[in-house]
PDB file of N, CA and C in Angstrom:
ATOM      1  N   UNK A   1       0.840  -1.179   0.000  1.00  0.00           N
ATOM      2  CA  UNK A   1       0.000   0.000   0.000  1.00  0.00           C
ATOM      3  C   UNK A   1       0.881   1.236   0.000  1.00  0.00           C
ATOM      4  N   UNK A   2       0.471   2.221  -0.751  1.00  0.00           N
ATOM      5  CA  UNK A   2       1.239   3.458  -0.755  1.00  0.00           C
ATOM      6  C   UNK A   2       0.595   4.473   0.193  1.00  0.00           C
ATOM      7  N   UNK A   3       1.243   5.596   0.375  1.00  0.00           N
ATOM      8  CA  UNK A   3       0.776   6.613   1.322  1.00  0.00           C
ATOM      9  C   UNK A   3      -0.599   7.158   0.936  1.00  0.00           C
ATOM     10  N   UNK A   4      -0.864   7.289  -0.371  1.00  0.00           N
ATOM     11  CA  UNK A   4      -2.155   7.817  -0.824  1.00  0.00           C
ATOM     12  C   UNK A   4      -3.290   6.861  -0.459  1.00  0.00           C
ATOM     13  N   UNK A   5      -3.077   5.560  -0.631  1.00  0.00           N
ATOM     14  CA  UNK A   5      -4.093   4.563  -0.282  1.00  0.00           C
ATOM     15  C   UNK A   5      -4.381   4.590   1.208  1.00  0.00           C
ATOM     16  N   UNK A   6      -3.336   4.684   2.015  1.00  0.00           N
ATOM     17  CA  UNK A   6      -3.512   4.716   3.468  1.00  0.00           C
ATOM     18  C   UNK A   6      -4.289   5.968   3.873  1.00  0.00           C
ATOM     19  N   UNK A   7      -3.976   7.102   3.265  1.00  0.00           N
ATOM     20  CA  UNK A   7      -4.687   8.343   3.573  1.00  0.00           C
ATOM     21  C   UNK A   7      -6.158   8.239   3.181  1.00  0.00           C
ATOM     22  N   UNK A   8      -6.450   7.638   2.041  1.00  0.00           N
ATOM     23  CA  UNK A   8      -7.845   7.466   1.604  1.00  0.00           C
ATOM     24  C   UNK A   8      -8.613   6.566   2.560  1.00  0.00           C
ATOM     25  N   UNK A   9      -8.000   5.474   2.979  1.00  0.00           N
ATOM     26  CA  UNK A   9      -8.648   4.546   3.912  1.00  0.00           C
ATOM     27  C   UNK A   9      -8.905   5.238   5.245  1.00  0.00           C
ATOM     28  N   UNK A  10      -7.935   5.991   5.733  1.00  0.00           N
ATOM     29  CA  UNK A  10      -8.099   6.708   6.999  1.00  0.00           C
ATOM     30  C   UNK A  10      -9.229   7.727   6.899  1.00  0.00           C
ATOM     31  N   UNK A  11      -9.309   8.427   5.780  1.00  0.00           N
ATOM     32  CA  UNK A  11     -10.378   9.404   5.580  1.00  0.00           C
ATOM     33  C   UNK A  11     -11.750   8.761   5.556  1.00  0.00           C
ATOM     34  N   UNK A  12     -11.862   7.632   4.886  1.00  0.00           N
ATOM     35  CA  UNK A  12     -13.138   6.906   4.838  1.00  0.00           C
ATOM     36  C   UNK A  12     -13.533   6.408   6.217  1.00  0.00           C
ATOM     37  N   UNK A  13     -12.573   5.902   6.976  1.00  0.00           N
ATOM     38  CA  UNK A  13     -12.857   5.405   8.321  1.00  0.00           C
ATOM     39  C   UNK A  13     -13.338   6.541   9.220  1.00  0.00           C
ATOM     40  N   UNK A  14     -12.704   7.690   9.124  1.00  0.00           N
ATOM     41  CA  UNK A  14     -13.114   8.844   9.920  1.00  0.00           C
ATOM     42  C   UNK A  14     -14.526   9.284   9.549  1.00  0.00           C
ATOM     43  N   UNK A  15     -14.814   9.365   8.271  1.00  0.00           N
ATOM     44  CA  UNK A  15     -16.147   9.756   7.809  1.00  0.00           C
ATOM     45  C   UNK A  15     -17.206   8.770   8.287  1.00  0.00           C
ATOM     46  N   UNK A  16     -16.921   7.480   8.186  1.00  0.00           N
ATOM     47  CA  UNK A  16     -17.870   6.454   8.635  1.00  0.00           C
ATOM     48  C   UNK A  16     -18.101   6.556  10.137  1.00  0.00           C
ATOM     49  N   UNK A  17     -17.054   6.802  10.891  1.00  0.00           N
ATOM     50  CA  UNK A  17     -17.189   6.933  12.341  1.00  0.00           C
ATOM     51  C   UNK A  17     -18.048   8.120  12.736  1.00  0.00           C
ATOM     52  N   UNK A  18     -17.851   9.239  12.075  1.00  0.00           N
ATOM     53  CA  UNK A  18     -18.655  10.430  12.360  1.00  0.00           C
ATOM     54  C   UNK A  18     -20.115  10.179  12.000  1.00  0.00           C
ATOM     55  N   UNK A  19     -20.360   9.582  10.846  1.00  0.00           N
ATOM     56  CA  UNK A  19     -21.732   9.295  10.414  1.00  0.00           C
ATOM     57  C   UNK A  19     -22.426   8.346  11.384  1.00  0.00           C
ATOM     58  N   UNK A  20     -21.716   7.328  11.841  1.00  0.00           N
ATOM     59  CA  UNK A  20     -22.304   6.369  12.787  1.00  0.00           C
ATOM     60  C   UNK A  20     -22.647   7.056  14.099  1.00  0.00           C
ATOM     61  N   UNK A  21     -21.795   7.942  14.553  1.00  0.00           N
ATOM     62  CA  UNK A  21     -22.053   8.667  15.793  1.00  0.00           C
ATOM     63  C   UNK A  21     -23.262   9.570  15.689  1.00  0.00           C
ATOM     64  N   UNK A  22     -23.413  10.249  14.577  1.00  0.00           N
ATOM     65  CA  UNK A  22     -24.566  11.120  14.385  1.00  0.00           C
ATOM     66  C   UNK A  22     -25.854  10.324  14.283  1.00  0.00           C
ATOM     67  N   UNK A  23     -25.815   9.202  13.598  1.00  0.00           N
ATOM     68  CA  UNK A  23     -27.012   8.373  13.433  1.00  0.00           C
ATOM     69  C   UNK A  23     -27.451   7.768  14.754  1.00  0.00           C
ATOM     70  N   UNK A  24     -26.519   7.539  15.670  1.00  0.00           N
ATOM     71  CA  UNK A  24     -26.842   6.898  16.939  1.00  0.00           C
ATOM     72  C   UNK A  24     -27.368   7.881  17.972  1.00  0.00           C
ATOM     73  N   UNK A  25     -27.321   9.182  17.706  1.00  0.00           N
ATOM     74  CA  UNK A  25     -27.790  10.174  18.659  1.00  0.00           C
ATOM     75  C   UNK A  25     -29.308  10.259  18.603  1.00  0.00           C
ATOM     76  N   UNK A  26     -29.997   9.911  19.704  1.00  0.00           N
ATOM     77  CA  UNK A  26     -31.454   9.971  19.702  1.00  0.00           C
ATOM     78  C   UNK A  26     -31.949  11.409  19.516  1.00  0.00           C
ATOM     79  N   UNK A  27     -33.121  11.548  18.941  1.00  0.00           N
ATOM     80  CA  UNK A  27     -33.692  12.868  18.707  1.00  0.00           C
ATOM     81  C   UNK A  27     -33.826  13.630  20.019  1.00  0.00           C
ATOM     82  N   UNK A  28     -34.246  12.956  21.080  1.00  0.00           N
ATOM     83  CA  UNK A  28     -34.453  13.627  22.359  1.00  0.00           C
ATOM     84  C   UNK A  28     -33.166  14.233  22.894  1.00  0.00           C
ATOM     85  N   UNK A  29     -32.015  13.656  22.554  1.00  0.00           N
ATOM     86  CA  UNK A  29     -30.743  14.162  23.048  1.00  0.00           C
ATOM     87  C   UNK A  29     -30.267  15.369  22.255  1.00  0.00           C
ATOM     88  N   UNK A  30     -30.908  15.712  21.180  1.00  0.00           N
ATOM     89  CA  UNK A  30     -30.478  16.813  20.331  1.00  0.00           C
ATOM     90  C   UNK A  30     -31.091  18.138  20.765  1.00  0.00           C
ATOM     91  N   UNK A  31     -31.674  18.199  21.905  1.00  0.00           N
ATOM     92  CA  UNK A  31     -32.314  19.405  22.419  1.00  0.00           C
ATOM     93  C   UNK A  31     -33.432  18.992  23.341  1.00  0.00           C
ATOM     94  N   UNK A  32     -34.017  19.940  24.023  1.00  0.00           N
ATOM     95  CA  UNK A  32     -35.092  19.628  24.953  1.00  0.00           C
ATOM     96  C   UNK A  32     -36.342  19.252  24.161  1.00  0.00           C
ATOM     97  N   UNK A  33     -36.651  17.972  24.136  1.00  0.00           N
ATOM     98  CA  UNK A  33     -37.802  17.450  23.388  1.00  0.00           C
ATOM     99  C   UNK A  33     -38.662  16.599  24.312  1.00  0.00           C
ATOM    100  N   UNK A  34     -39.899  16.368  23.906  1.00  0.00           N
ATOM    101  CA  UNK A  34     -40.792  15.469  24.629  1.00  0.00           C
ATOM    102  C   UNK A  34     -41.678  14.742  23.624  1.00  0.00           C
ATOM    103  N   UNK A  35     -42.151  13.562  24.028  1.00  0.00           N
ATOM    104  CA  UNK A  35     -43.084  12.815  23.184  1.00  0.00           C
ATOM    105  C   UNK A  35     -44.447  13.492  23.282  1.00  0.00           C
ATOM    106  N   UNK A  36     -45.073  13.690  22.129  1.00  0.00           N
ATOM    107  CA  UNK A  36     -46.394  14.309  22.101  1.00  0.00           C
ATOM    108  C   UNK A  36     -47.335  13.396  21.317  1.00  0.00           C
ATOM    109  N   UNK A  37     -48.363  12.920  21.982  1.00  0.00           N
ATOM    110  CA  UNK A  37     -49.313  11.981  21.386  1.00  0.00           C
ATOM    111  C   UNK A  37     -50.469  12.716  20.712  1.00  0.00           C
ATOM    112  N   UNK A  38     -50.939  12.125  19.613  1.00  0.00           N
ATOM    113  CA  UNK A  38     -52.133  12.618  18.947  1.00  0.00           C
ATOM    114  C   UNK A  38     -51.926  13.800  18.021  1.00  0.00           C
ATOM    115  N   UNK A  39     -50.672  14.100  17.659  1.00  0.00           N
ATOM    116  CA  UNK A  39     -50.428  15.270  16.808  1.00  0.00           C
ATOM    117  C   UNK A  39     -49.873  14.932  15.432  1.00  0.00           C
ATOM    118  N   UNK A  40     -49.515  13.676  15.206  1.00  0.00           N
ATOM    119  CA  UNK A  40     -48.887  13.337  13.919  1.00  0.00           C
ATOM    120  C   UNK A  40     -49.925  12.929  12.874  1.00  0.00           C
ATOM    121  N   UNK A  41     -49.600  13.215  11.642  1.00  0.00           N
ATOM    122  CA  UNK A  41     -50.425  12.774  10.516  1.00  0.00           C
ATOM    123  C   UNK A  41     -50.138  11.295  10.263  1.00  0.00           C
ATOM    124  N   UNK A  42     -51.015  10.615   9.557  1.00  0.00           N
ATOM    125  CA  UNK A  42     -50.828   9.197   9.232  1.00  0.00           C
ATOM    126  C   UNK A  42     -49.473   8.993   8.567  1.00  0.00           C
ATOM    127  N   UNK A  43     -48.721   8.036   9.091  1.00  0.00           N
ATOM    128  CA  UNK A  43     -47.422   7.702   8.527  1.00  0.00           C
ATOM    129  C   UNK A  43     -46.307   8.667   8.874  1.00  0.00           C
ATOM    130  N   UNK A  44     -46.552   9.628   9.743  1.00  0.00           N
ATOM    131  CA  UNK A  44     -45.541  10.638  10.084  1.00  0.00           C
ATOM    132  C   UNK A  44     -45.132  10.596  11.559  1.00  0.00           C
ATOM    133  N   UNK A  45     -45.527   9.537  12.287  1.00  0.00           N
ATOM    134  CA  UNK A  45     -45.149   9.443  13.697  1.00  0.00           C
ATOM    135  C   UNK A  45     -43.664   9.110  13.836  1.00  0.00           C
ATOM    136  N   UNK A  46     -43.100   9.403  15.009  1.00  0.00           N
ATOM    137  CA  UNK A  46     -41.676   9.166  15.227  1.00  0.00           C
ATOM    138  C   UNK A  46     -41.351   7.739  15.641  1.00  0.00           C
ATOM    139  N   UNK A  47     -42.239   7.036  16.296  1.00  0.00           N
ATOM    140  CA  UNK A  47     -41.960   5.632  16.599  1.00  0.00           C
ATOM    141  C   UNK A  47     -43.255   4.883  16.881  1.00  0.00           C
ATOM    142  N   UNK A  48     -43.133   3.702  17.481  1.00  0.00           N
ATOM    143  CA  UNK A  48     -44.249   2.775  17.645  1.00  0.00           C
ATOM    144  C   UNK A  48     -45.556   3.474  18.003  1.00  0.00           C
ATOM    145  N   UNK A  49     -46.622   3.047  17.373  1.00  0.00           N
ATOM    146  CA  UNK A  49     -47.936   3.646  17.579  1.00  0.00           C
ATOM    147  C   UNK A  49     -48.930   2.598  18.050  1.00  0.00           C
ATOM    148  N   UNK A  50     -48.522   1.778  19.005  1.00  0.00           N
ATOM    149  CA  UNK A  50     -49.417   0.790  19.568  1.00  0.00           C
ATOM    150  C   UNK A  50     -49.446  -0.515  18.802  1.00  0.00           C
ATOM    151  N   UNK A  51     -50.403  -1.388  19.140  1.00  0.00           N
ATOM    152  CA  UNK A  51     -50.494  -2.707  18.520  1.00  0.00           C
ATOM    153  C   UNK A  51     -50.599  -2.625  16.998  1.00  0.00           C
ATOM    154  N   UNK A  52     -49.860  -3.493  16.326  1.00  0.00           N
ATOM    155  CA  UNK A  52     -49.909  -3.557  14.874  1.00  0.00           C
ATOM    156  C   UNK A  52     -48.948  -2.608  14.182  1.00  0.00           C
ATOM    157  N   UNK A  53     -48.187  -1.857  14.966  1.00  0.00           N
ATOM    158  CA  UNK A  53     -47.194  -0.952  14.379  1.00  0.00           C
ATOM    159  C   UNK A  53     -45.828  -1.282  14.959  1.00  0.00           C
ATOM    160  N   UNK A  54     -44.786  -0.900  14.258  1.00  0.00           N
ATOM    161  CA  UNK A  54     -43.451  -1.240  14.738  1.00  0.00           C
ATOM    162  C   UNK A  54     -42.615  -0.017  15.070  1.00  0.00           C
ATOM    163  N   UNK A  55     -42.580   0.946  14.197  1.00  0.00           N
ATOM    164  CA  UNK A  55     -41.770   2.129  14.498  1.00  0.00           C
ATOM    165  C   UNK A  55     -42.180   3.301  13.625  1.00  0.00           C
ATOM    166  N   UNK A  56     -41.243   4.189  13.373  1.00  0.00           N
ATOM    167  CA  UNK A  56     -41.529   5.446  12.683  1.00  0.00           C
ATOM    168  C   UNK A  56     -42.309   5.245  11.391  1.00  0.00           C
ATOM    169  N   UNK A  57     -43.302   6.101  11.206  1.00  0.00           N
ATOM    170  CA  UNK A  57     -44.066   6.089   9.969  1.00  0.00           C
ATOM    171  C   UNK A  57     -45.125   5.015   9.865  1.00  0.00           C
ATOM    172  N   UNK A  58     -45.501   4.386  10.982  1.00  0.00           N
ATOM    173  CA  UNK A  58     -46.451   3.272  10.908  1.00  0.00           C
ATOM    174  C   UNK A  58     -47.852   3.612  11.420  1.00  0.00           C
ATOM    175  N   UNK A  59     -48.096   4.857  11.811  1.00  0.00           N
ATOM    176  CA  UNK A  59     -49.457   5.201  12.235  1.00  0.00           C
ATOM    177  C   UNK A  59     -50.369   5.151  11.009  1.00  0.00           C
ATOM    178  N   UNK A  60     -51.614   4.785  11.233  1.00  0.00           N
ATOM    179  CA  UNK A  60     -52.530   4.574  10.112  1.00  0.00           C
ATOM    180  C   UNK A  60     -53.577   5.672   9.952  1.00  0.00           C
ATOM    181  N   UNK A  61     -53.712   6.546  10.971  1.00  0.00           N
ATOM    182  CA  UNK A  61     -54.715   7.612  10.917  1.00  0.00           C
ATOM    183  C   UNK A  61     -54.082   8.940  11.325  1.00  0.00           C
ATOM    184  N   UNK A  62     -54.616  10.022  10.802  1.00  0.00           N
ATOM    185  CA  UNK A  62     -54.192  11.342  11.255  1.00  0.00           C
ATOM    186  C   UNK A  62     -54.560  11.507  12.725  1.00  0.00           C
ATOM    187  N   UNK A  63     -53.657  12.074  13.497  1.00  0.00           N
ATOM    188  CA  UNK A  63     -53.864  12.395  14.909  1.00  0.00           C
ATOM    189  C   UNK A  63     -54.217  11.168  15.748  1.00  0.00           C
ATOM    190  N   UNK A  64     -53.655  10.033  15.384  1.00  0.00           N
ATOM    191  CA  UNK A  64     -53.877   8.772  16.099  1.00  0.00           C
ATOM    192  C   UNK A  64     -53.412   8.939  17.548  1.00  0.00           C
ATOM    193  N   UNK A  65     -54.264   8.587  18.495  1.00  0.00           N
ATOM    194  CA  UNK A  65     -54.001   8.836  19.911  1.00  0.00           C
ATOM    195  C   UNK A  65     -52.814   8.114  20.511  1.00  0.00           C
ATOM    196  N   UNK A  66     -52.418   6.984  19.939  1.00  0.00           N
ATOM    197  CA  UNK A  66     -51.275   6.259  20.499  1.00  0.00           C
ATOM    198  C   UNK A  66     -50.004   6.459  19.674  1.00  0.00           C
ATOM    199  N   UNK A  67     -50.037   7.358  18.704  1.00  0.00           N
ATOM    200  CA  UNK A  67     -48.864   7.679  17.885  1.00  0.00           C
ATOM    201  C   UNK A  67     -48.271   8.989  18.398  1.00  0.00           C
ATOM    202  N   UNK A  68     -46.942   9.034  18.474  1.00  0.00           N
ATOM    203  CA  UNK A  68     -46.311  10.244  18.997  1.00  0.00           C
ATOM    204  C   UNK A  68     -45.237  10.780  18.074  1.00  0.00           C
ATOM    205  N   UNK A  69     -44.924  12.057  18.274  1.00  0.00           N
ATOM    206  CA  UNK A  69     -43.824  12.752  17.596  1.00  0.00           C
ATOM    207  C   UNK A  69     -43.041  13.485  18.676  1.00  0.00           C
ATOM    208  N   UNK A  70     -41.740  13.661  18.442  1.00  0.00           N
ATOM    209  CA  UNK A  70     -40.963  14.519  19.326  1.00  0.00           C
ATOM    210  C   UNK A  70     -41.272  15.967  18.978  1.00  0.00           C
ATOM    211  N   UNK A  71     -41.543  16.764  19.997  1.00  0.00           N
ATOM    212  CA  UNK A  71     -41.777  18.199  19.828  1.00  0.00           C
ATOM    213  C   UNK A  71     -40.930  18.939  20.861  1.00  0.00           C
ATOM    214  N   UNK A  72     -40.784  20.239  20.702  1.00  0.00           N
ATOM    215  CA  UNK A  72     -40.040  21.027  21.675  1.00  0.00           C
ATOM    216  C   UNK A  72     -40.689  20.894  23.044  1.00  0.00           C
ATOM    217  N   UNK A  73     -39.851  20.708  24.064  1.00  0.00           N
ATOM    218  CA  UNK A  73     -40.343  20.532  25.431  1.00  0.00           C
ATOM    219  C   UNK A  73     -41.223  21.716  25.823  1.00  0.00           C
ATOM    220  N   UNK A  74     -42.375  21.408  26.389  1.00  0.00           N
ATOM    221  CA  UNK A  74     -43.308  22.429  26.836  1.00  0.00           C
ATOM    222  C   UNK A  74     -44.334  22.860  25.799  1.00  0.00           C
ATOM    223  N   UNK A  75     -44.208  22.361  24.568  1.00  0.00           N
ATOM    224  CA  UNK A  75     -45.134  22.810  23.521  1.00  0.00           C
ATOM    225  C   UNK A  75     -46.252  21.814  23.223  1.00  0.00           C
ATOM    226  N   UNK A  76     -46.130  20.587  23.693  1.00  0.00           N
ATOM    227  CA  UNK A  76     -47.068  19.529  23.302  1.00  0.00           C
ATOM    228  C   UNK A  76     -48.526  19.904  23.546  1.00  0.00           C
ATOM    229  N   UNK A  77     -48.851  20.257  24.768  1.00  0.00           N
ATOM    230  CA  UNK A  77     -50.261  20.484  25.099  1.00  0.00           C
ATOM    231  C   UNK A  77     -50.825  21.748  24.467  1.00  0.00           C
ATOM    232  N   UNK A  78     -49.976  22.562  23.844  1.00  0.00           N
ATOM    233  CA  UNK A  78     -50.465  23.764  23.160  1.00  0.00           C
ATOM    234  C   UNK A  78     -50.728  23.514  21.675  1.00  0.00           C
ATOM    235  N   UNK A  79     -50.329  22.336  21.177  1.00  0.00           N
ATOM    236  CA  UNK A  79     -50.543  22.010  19.765  1.00  0.00           C
ATOM    237  C   UNK A  79     -52.007  21.634  19.564  1.00  0.00           C
ATOM    238  N   UNK A  80     -52.675  22.356  18.684  1.00  0.00           N
ATOM    239  CA  UNK A  80     -54.098  22.104  18.421  1.00  0.00           C
ATOM    240  C   UNK A  80     -54.251  21.284  17.143  1.00  0.00           C
ATOM    241  N   UNK A  81     -55.139  20.291  17.197  1.00  0.00           N
ATOM    242  CA  UNK A  81     -55.460  19.463  16.036  1.00  0.00           C
ATOM    243  C   UNK A  81     -56.982  19.433  15.900  1.00  0.00           C
ATOM    244  N   UNK A  82     -57.505  18.905  14.812  1.00  0.00           N
ATOM    245  CA  UNK A  82     -58.962  18.775  14.684  1.00  0.00           C
ATOM    246  C   UNK A  82     -59.574  17.873  15.763  1.00  0.00           C
ATOM    247  N   UNK A  83     -58.735  17.069  16.428  1.00  0.00           N
ATOM    248  CA  UNK A  83     -59.236  16.163  17.462  1.00  0.00           C
ATOM    249  C   UNK A  83     -58.910  16.655  18.869  1.00  0.00           C
ATOM    250  N   UNK A  84     -58.427  17.873  19.005  1.00  0.00           N
ATOM    251  CA  UNK A  84     -58.067  18.415  20.315  1.00  0.00           C
ATOM    252  C   UNK A  84     -56.576  18.696  20.397  1.00  0.00           C
ATOM    253  N   UNK A  85     -56.118  18.974  21.616  1.00  0.00           N
ATOM    254  CA  UNK A  85     -54.712  19.313  21.817  1.00  0.00           C
ATOM    255  C   UNK A  85     -53.853  18.064  21.939  1.00  0.00           C
ATOM    256  N   UNK A  86     -52.535  18.260  21.759  1.00  0.00           N
ATOM    257  CA  UNK A  86     -51.583  17.182  21.966  1.00  0.00           C
ATOM    258  C   UNK A  86     -51.593  16.752  23.424  1.00  0.00           C
ATOM    259  N   UNK A  87     -51.083  15.558  23.686  1.00  0.00           N
ATOM    260  CA  UNK A  87     -51.082  15.003  25.035  1.00  0.00           C
ATOM    261  C   UNK A  87     -49.726  14.379  25.342  1.00  0.00           C
ATOM    262  N   UNK A  88     -49.308  14.478  26.602  1.00  0.00           N
ATOM    263  CA  UNK A  88     -48.054  13.859  27.030  1.00  0.00           C
ATOM    264  C   UNK A  88     -48.224  12.364  27.286  1.00  0.00           C
ATOM    265  N   UNK A  89     -49.463  11.886  27.277  1.00  0.00           N
ATOM    266  CA  UNK A  89     -49.766  10.459  27.465  1.00  0.00           C
ATOM    267  C   UNK A  89     -50.615   9.988  26.289  1.00  0.00           C
ATOM    268  N   UNK A  90     -50.558   8.689  25.976  1.00  0.00           N
ATOM    269  CA  UNK A  90     -51.397   8.179  24.878  1.00  0.00           C
ATOM    270  C   UNK A  90     -52.867   8.542  25.089  1.00  0.00           C
ATOM    271  N   UNK A  91     -53.534   8.879  24.017  1.00  0.00           N
ATOM    272  CA  UNK A  91     -54.950   9.242  24.058  1.00  0.00           C
ATOM    273  C   UNK A  91     -55.756   8.014  23.674  1.00  0.00           C
ATOM    274  N   UNK A  92     -56.712   7.655  24.488  1.00  0.00           N
ATOM    275  CA  UNK A  92     -57.521   6.459  24.210  1.00  0.00           C
ATOM    276  C   UNK A  92     -58.681   6.788  23.320  1.00  0.00           C
TER     277      UNK A  92
END
């Protein structure tokens, strides 16, 4: 291997390491956030939305009560939807 090949490999390894670190940072750790239930549109939730769903994007109805999105801390209950305000707990 020559010096150029080693430099290219090192650069790729550094880039991959940075990308992996960024991908592993949870949304909540990127600022003051909280889970807000009942505010996401169908297929736009941030993670599991109850039975029959697995993770992000699996809600089946707009403003589904058991589907949540991360929102700025303190703003959830002020978010208005056609079905009422956001909730810090799942809406039945």
